């Protein structure tokens, strides 16, 4: 009789079924050589994986692209606060180090494609946002996570393997809470917030705060540019307008909704450079110094004197002291 010897790890790699990912999500050991590489007492990776699974289950992630955005960070911070409350969270570490587990991959932004081959450690929030387009999973794992039963199995594996002092009943209610939506609702109810500098020392919290402000402002203007009226939405709910600050956040830390405007990419860029401003009666003032050719769209100068599109709720109209500050800067540059 002839015996055929095979490499078990290689065989599992070729047969990426549910059993394979059960092993991948479990602790590495002598009997499980393909498990997660996790430092003792640092369950960053399991918490990030639970965050991603939750966002897939709640349709916050609908394709095999996991952006490093405010929604993901808010979900991670929520789970971390309950599962690892004594240590400081850092989502950048698992977002980068999961690439070593060979089912989590980086799609780099244009111009940064060689960074992974060069083994540059892309693990701080600012570096990830600058260089990484999104993370993505093995196709096989992505397909498994579309199925409720398989998703439940992998969720239980993560909970039982890494948080066995807690029960399923302790953790599963957390997975039903949309932390980012709750933050948006809170800010919407209070009209936003002016922050103190010490509240902005955590880069992760700043990203969540900024994302919430911008989404609230855009929805307040019904996803339409206040300057030109442009509105484009796709099937995933993505839109072409930005939630922009009137008085810059970097100077005033003002995330009140009435310090915001929804503007398309072109007019957001122009507003930040004081190419136009807005009077107290919400009419548009355009700089006389522009040399403009716009053969397929209405030129900016023809909007001068028009009234901006305003939110349905008067309480969110742009605040006059913010408009005055922007107009003063505009006039100073014009002079």
Protein backbone atom coordinates (compact mmCIF):
# COMPACT_ATOMS: atom_id res chain seq x y z
CA UNK A 1 0.00 0.00 0.00
CA UNK A 2 1.29 3.42 -0.94
CA UNK A 3 0.76 6.30 1.48
CA UNK A 4 0.31 9.83 0.09
CA UNK A 5 1.48 12.53 2.45
CA UNK A 6 -0.12 15.98 2.13
CA UNK A 7 0.49 19.31 3.79
CA UNK A 8 -2.66 19.88 5.87
CA UNK A 9 -2.26 23.65 5.82
CA UNK A 10 -1.91 23.64 2.02
CA UNK A 11 -4.95 21.36 1.69
CA UNK A 12 -7.04 23.65 3.90
CA UNK A 13 -5.86 26.65 1.90
CA UNK A 14 -7.29 25.02 -1.24
CA UNK A 15 -10.57 24.12 0.51
CA UNK A 16 -11.73 27.40 1.99
CA UNK A 17 -15.05 26.28 3.36
CA UNK A 18 -16.77 27.12 6.64
CA UNK A 19 -14.57 24.65 8.56
CA UNK A 20 -11.47 26.41 7.24
CA UNK A 21 -12.61 29.82 8.49
CA UNK A 22 -13.72 28.36 11.82
CA UNK A 23 -10.08 27.38 12.26
CA UNK A 24 -8.84 30.74 10.96
CA UNK A 25 -10.98 32.64 13.48
CA UNK A 26 -9.87 30.43 16.40
CA UNK A 27 -6.70 30.86 18.48
CA UNK A 28 -3.49 29.53 16.96
CA UNK A 29 -2.21 26.46 18.79
CA UNK A 30 -0.17 23.28 18.30
CA UNK A 31 -3.27 21.60 16.92
CA UNK A 32 -4.47 24.63 14.96
CA UNK A 33 -1.57 26.13 13.07
CA UNK A 34 -3.70 28.39 10.86
CA UNK A 35 -5.52 30.28 13.66
CA UNK A 36 -5.44 34.02 14.24
CA UNK A 37 -2.12 35.60 15.13
CA UNK A 38 -3.17 37.48 18.27
CA UNK A 39 -0.91 38.79 21.01
CA UNK A 40 -1.90 37.62 24.51
CA UNK A 41 -4.50 39.90 26.07
CA UNK A 42 -4.94 41.98 22.90
CA UNK A 43 -8.13 40.89 21.11
CA UNK A 44 -7.96 43.68 18.52
CA UNK A 45 -8.45 41.35 15.57
CA UNK A 46 -11.50 39.47 16.93
CA UNK A 47 -13.21 42.77 17.77
CA UNK A 48 -12.55 44.15 14.29
CA UNK A 49 -13.88 40.94 12.71
CA UNK A 50 -17.00 41.12 14.87
CA UNK A 51 -17.42 44.74 13.76
CA UNK A 52 -17.20 43.81 10.08
CA UNK A 53 -19.63 40.88 10.51
CA UNK A 54 -22.10 43.18 12.28
CA UNK A 55 -21.89 45.74 9.47
CA UNK A 56 -22.46 43.04 6.86
CA UNK A 57 -25.47 41.74 8.80
CA UNK A 58 -26.98 45.24 9.07
CA UNK A 59 -26.24 46.04 5.39
CA UNK A 60 -23.80 48.82 6.25
CA UNK A 61 -21.29 46.87 4.14
CA UNK A 62 -22.87 45.51 0.96
CA UNK A 63 -19.89 44.60 -1.21
CA UNK A 64 -16.48 43.08 -0.58
CA UNK A 65 -14.90 46.42 0.20
CA UNK A 66 -14.32 47.46 3.81
CA UNK A 67 -13.51 51.18 3.93
CA UNK A 68 -11.69 52.65 6.90
CA UNK A 69 -14.55 55.02 7.63
CA UNK A 70 -16.43 56.59 10.51
CA UNK A 71 -19.07 53.84 10.58
CA UNK A 72 -16.51 51.04 10.96
CA UNK A 73 -14.56 52.93 13.63
CA UNK A 74 -17.73 53.72 15.60
CA UNK A 75 -18.74 50.04 15.53
CA UNK A 76 -15.26 48.95 16.65
CA UNK A 77 -15.16 51.49 19.49
CA UNK A 78 -18.62 50.43 20.68
CA UNK A 79 -17.64 46.74 20.87
CA UNK A 80 -14.25 47.57 22.39
CA UNK A 81 -15.83 49.60 25.20
CA UNK A 82 -17.80 46.54 26.28
CA UNK A 83 -15.33 43.73 25.50
CA UNK A 84 -12.02 45.34 26.46
CA UNK A 85 -12.86 48.38 28.63
CA UNK A 86 -9.53 48.58 30.48
CA UNK A 87 -7.28 49.07 27.45
CA UNK A 88 -7.13 51.92 24.96
CA UNK A 89 -8.57 50.97 21.55
CA UNK A 90 -6.54 51.32 18.35
CA UNK A 91 -8.37 50.10 15.26
CA UNK A 92 -5.35 50.81 13.05
CA UNK A 93 -3.44 47.87 14.50
CA UNK A 94 -5.88 45.06 13.55
CA UNK A 95 -6.84 46.78 10.28
CA UNK A 96 -3.19 46.43 9.24
CA UNK A 97 -2.05 43.28 11.05
CA UNK A 98 -4.96 41.14 9.80
CA UNK A 99 -3.18 41.12 6.43
CA UNK A 100 -0.75 38.61 7.98
CA UNK A 101 -3.63 36.13 8.42
CA UNK A 102 -3.99 35.86 4.62
CA UNK A 103 -7.75 36.27 4.32
CA UNK A 104 -7.75 40.07 4.82
CA UNK A 105 -6.23 42.14 2.03
CA UNK A 106 -5.47 45.77 1.21
CA UNK A 107 -6.49 47.58 -1.98
CA UNK A 108 -4.02 50.44 -2.07
CA UNK A 109 -4.73 53.88 -3.47
CA UNK A 110 -3.14 54.96 -6.73
CA UNK A 111 0.52 55.73 -6.15
CA UNK A 112 0.86 53.55 -3.03
CA UNK A 113 0.64 50.11 -4.66
CA UNK A 114 4.22 49.18 -3.73
CA UNK A 115 3.92 49.87 -0.01
CA UNK A 116 2.73 46.39 0.93
CA UNK A 117 5.51 44.66 -1.01
CA UNK A 118 7.98 46.99 0.68
CA UNK A 119 6.52 45.82 4.03
CA UNK A 120 5.78 49.37 5.16
CA UNK A 121 3.63 49.24 8.29
CA UNK A 122 0.38 51.00 7.37
CA UNK A 123 -1.30 50.95 10.77
CA UNK A 124 -2.12 54.46 12.01
CA UNK A 125 -5.56 55.86 11.17
CA UNK A 126 -4.11 58.81 9.24
CA UNK A 127 -1.75 56.61 7.20
CA UNK A 128 -4.49 54.09 6.43
CA UNK A 129 -6.84 56.85 5.25
CA UNK A 130 -4.11 58.37 3.12
CA UNK A 131 -2.88 55.19 1.41
CA UNK A 132 -5.56 52.44 1.54
CA UNK A 133 -8.66 52.49 -0.67
CA UNK A 134 -10.29 49.66 1.30
CA UNK A 135 -9.68 46.22 2.80
CA UNK A 136 -11.32 43.14 1.31
CA UNK A 137 -11.82 39.52 2.32
CA UNK A 138 -11.18 36.23 0.55
CA UNK A 139 -14.01 35.75 -1.94
CA UNK A 140 -14.89 32.49 -0.17
CA UNK A 141 -15.17 34.21 3.21
CA UNK A 142 -17.20 37.07 1.75
CA UNK A 143 -19.71 34.59 0.29
CA UNK A 144 -19.99 32.72 3.59
CA UNK A 145 -20.72 35.97 5.42
CA UNK A 146 -23.69 36.64 3.12
CA UNK A 147 -25.40 33.59 4.64
CA UNK A 148 -27.09 34.15 8.01
CA UNK A 149 -26.30 30.66 9.39
CA UNK A 150 -22.62 30.74 8.39
CA UNK A 151 -22.31 34.28 9.73
CA UNK A 152 -23.80 33.13 13.05
CA UNK A 153 -21.36 30.22 13.28
CA UNK A 154 -18.34 32.49 12.73
CA UNK A 155 -19.69 35.07 15.18
CA UNK A 156 -20.04 32.37 17.85
CA UNK A 157 -16.52 31.11 17.13
CA UNK A 158 -15.10 34.59 17.75
CA UNK A 159 -17.12 35.08 20.94
CA UNK A 160 -16.43 31.62 22.37
CA UNK A 161 -12.73 31.67 21.46
CA UNK A 162 -11.79 35.16 22.57
CA UNK A 163 -14.42 36.34 25.07
CA UNK A 164 -15.39 33.13 26.84
CA UNK A 165 -15.97 34.96 30.14
CA UNK A 166 -19.02 36.49 28.47
CA UNK A 167 -22.10 34.68 27.20
CA UNK A 168 -23.72 34.94 23.79
CA UNK A 169 -26.57 36.75 25.56
CA UNK A 170 -24.09 39.37 26.83
CA UNK A 171 -22.62 40.15 23.44
CA UNK A 172 -25.30 39.57 20.83
CA UNK A 173 -27.47 42.59 21.87
CA UNK A 174 -24.41 44.80 21.26
CA UNK A 175 -24.30 43.60 17.66
CA UNK A 176 -27.78 45.04 17.07
CA UNK A 177 -26.83 48.61 18.05
CA UNK A 178 -25.79 50.94 15.23
CA UNK A 179 -23.36 53.14 17.16
CA UNK A 180 -22.79 55.57 14.30
CA UNK A 181 -26.53 56.07 13.70
CA UNK A 182 -27.03 56.63 17.44
CA UNK A 183 -24.32 59.32 17.42
CA UNK A 184 -25.97 60.99 14.42
CA UNK A 185 -29.35 60.93 16.17
CA UNK A 186 -27.86 62.44 19.31
CA UNK A 187 -26.14 65.27 17.39
CA UNK A 188 -29.29 65.87 15.34
CA UNK A 189 -31.37 66.23 18.52
CA UNK A 190 -28.91 68.68 20.10
CA UNK A 191 -28.12 70.58 16.90
CA UNK A 192 -24.48 69.50 16.96
CA UNK A 193 -21.64 70.47 19.25
CA UNK A 194 -18.71 72.83 19.77
CA UNK A 195 -15.77 70.72 20.97
CA UNK A 196 -12.98 71.45 23.38
CA UNK A 197 -9.44 70.80 22.06
CA UNK A 198 -8.84 68.00 24.59
CA UNK A 199 -11.87 66.14 23.17
CA UNK A 200 -10.08 65.84 19.83
CA UNK A 201 -6.86 64.17 20.92
CA UNK A 202 -8.05 60.70 19.84
CA UNK A 203 -7.68 60.46 16.07
CA UNK A 204 -10.29 57.70 15.87
CA UNK A 205 -12.91 59.81 17.65
CA UNK A 206 -12.15 62.74 15.35
CA UNK A 207 -12.84 60.60 12.26
CA UNK A 208 -16.17 59.44 13.74
CA UNK A 209 -17.13 62.99 14.73
CA UNK A 210 -16.27 64.37 11.31
CA UNK A 211 -18.15 61.62 9.51
CA UNK A 212 -21.27 62.15 11.62
CA UNK A 213 -21.26 65.93 11.08
CA UNK A 214 -20.87 65.61 7.32
CA UNK A 215 -23.62 62.99 6.96
CA UNK A 216 -26.06 65.03 9.03
CA UNK A 217 -25.41 68.18 6.99
CA UNK A 218 -25.78 66.37 3.67
CA UNK A 219 -29.08 64.76 4.73
CA UNK A 220 -30.32 68.10 6.11
CA UNK A 221 -29.91 69.57 2.59
CA UNK A 222 -31.56 66.49 1.05
CA UNK A 223 -28.29 65.40 -0.62
CA UNK A 224 -28.36 68.51 -2.83
CA UNK A 225 -25.69 71.18 -3.41
CA UNK A 226 -26.85 74.41 -1.76
CA UNK A 227 -25.04 76.42 -4.46
CA UNK A 228 -26.04 74.79 -7.76
CA UNK A 229 -28.74 72.29 -6.76
CA UNK A 230 -26.88 69.24 -8.06
CA UNK A 231 -28.13 65.95 -6.60
CA UNK A 232 -26.76 62.55 -7.66
CA UNK A 233 -27.37 59.37 -5.65
CA UNK A 234 -26.42 55.79 -6.50
CA UNK A 235 -28.00 52.48 -5.48
CA UNK A 236 -25.64 52.22 -2.47
CA UNK A 237 -26.73 55.58 -1.09
CA UNK A 238 -23.51 57.32 -2.07
CA UNK A 239 -23.89 60.92 -3.21
CA UNK A 240 -21.89 63.65 -4.87
CA UNK A 241 -22.18 66.36 -2.21
CA UNK A 242 -20.03 67.00 0.87
CA UNK A 243 -20.99 68.30 4.27
CA UNK A 244 -18.67 71.30 4.59
CA UNK A 245 -17.95 73.67 7.47
CA UNK A 246 -18.55 77.41 7.02
CA UNK A 247 -16.18 78.43 9.83
CA UNK A 248 -13.36 75.87 9.55
CA UNK A 249 -13.33 73.16 12.18
CA UNK A 250 -9.55 73.36 12.51
CA UNK A 251 -9.95 76.87 13.96
CA UNK A 252 -13.31 76.87 15.71
CA UNK A 253 -14.08 73.18 16.54
CA UNK A 254 -17.69 74.01 15.61
CA UNK A 255 -19.72 70.99 14.52
CA UNK A 256 -23.11 72.62 14.99
CA UNK A 257 -25.36 71.77 12.06
CA UNK A 258 -25.97 75.46 11.31
CA UNK A 259 -22.22 75.83 10.71
CA UNK A 260 -22.57 73.45 7.77
CA UNK A 261 -23.40 73.60 4.08
CA UNK A 262 -23.97 70.79 1.60
CA UNK A 263 -21.89 71.50 -1.49
CA UNK A 264 -20.88 69.47 -4.54
CA UNK A 265 -17.17 68.75 -4.97
CA UNK A 266 -16.50 71.75 -7.23
CA UNK A 267 -18.37 74.29 -5.13
CA UNK A 268 -17.01 72.90 -1.85
CA UNK A 269 -13.50 73.46 -3.21
CA UNK A 270 -14.45 76.97 -4.39
CA UNK A 271 -16.12 77.88 -1.08
CA UNK A 272 -13.07 76.81 0.95
CA UNK A 273 -10.95 79.12 -1.25
CA UNK A 274 -13.35 82.04 -0.90
CA UNK A 275 -14.21 82.20 -4.60
CA UNK A 276 -17.76 82.86 -3.48
CA UNK A 277 -19.51 83.69 -0.24
CA UNK A 278 -23.05 84.11 1.07
CA UNK A 279 -24.85 87.22 2.33
CA UNK A 280 -27.07 87.40 5.39
CA UNK A 281 -30.14 87.04 3.16
CA UNK A 282 -28.61 83.78 1.82
CA UNK A 283 -27.81 85.23 -1.62
CA UNK A 284 -24.61 84.22 -3.38
CA UNK A 285 -21.70 86.63 -3.87
CA UNK A 286 -19.14 85.55 -6.51
CA UNK A 287 -15.61 86.93 -6.81
CA UNK A 288 -15.02 89.32 -9.71
CA UNK A 289 -11.45 88.04 -10.10
CA UNK A 290 -12.35 84.65 -11.62
CA UNK A 291 -11.50 83.84 -15.24
CA UNK A 292 -13.98 81.12 -16.07
CA UNK A 293 -14.93 78.97 -19.05
CA UNK A 294 -17.86 76.61 -18.48
CA UNK A 295 -19.19 75.44 -21.89
CA UNK A 296 -21.36 72.60 -20.49
CA UNK A 297 -22.60 74.07 -17.21
CA UNK A 298 -23.83 77.35 -15.77
CA UNK A 299 -20.79 79.49 -14.88
CA UNK A 300 -20.29 80.40 -11.22
CA UNK A 301 -20.61 84.13 -11.89
CA UNK A 302 -24.18 83.62 -13.18
CA UNK A 303 -25.20 82.37 -9.72
CA UNK A 304 -24.37 85.77 -8.21
CA UNK A 305 -27.50 87.17 -6.56
CA UNK A 306 -29.27 83.79 -6.49
CA UNK A 307 -30.41 82.46 -3.15
CA UNK A 308 -28.80 79.24 -1.94
CA UNK A 309 -30.98 76.17 -1.47
CA UNK A 310 -31.84 76.02 2.22
CA UNK A 311 -32.78 73.10 4.50
CA UNK A 312 -36.45 72.33 5.06
CA UNK A 313 -36.04 73.14 8.77
CA UNK A 314 -35.25 76.78 9.53
CA UNK A 315 -33.30 75.84 12.66
CA UNK A 316 -30.57 74.43 10.38
CA UNK A 317 -30.24 77.51 8.15
CA UNK A 318 -26.59 78.66 8.00
CA UNK A 319 -25.83 80.69 11.11
CA UNK A 320 -25.29 84.38 10.41
CA UNK A 321 -22.11 84.74 12.49
CA UNK A 322 -20.58 81.88 10.47
CA UNK A 323 -21.61 83.53 7.20
CA UNK A 324 -20.22 86.86 8.45
CA UNK A 325 -16.86 85.25 9.25
CA UNK A 326 -16.67 83.64 5.80
CA UNK A 327 -17.77 86.85 4.07
CA UNK A 328 -15.13 88.90 5.90
CA UNK A 329 -12.45 86.50 4.63
CA UNK A 330 -13.93 86.67 1.13
CA UNK A 331 -13.93 90.51 1.10
CA UNK A 332 -10.41 90.68 2.52
CA UNK A 333 -9.13 88.56 -0.36
CA UNK A 334 -11.13 90.57 -2.89
CA UNK A 335 -9.57 93.79 -1.60
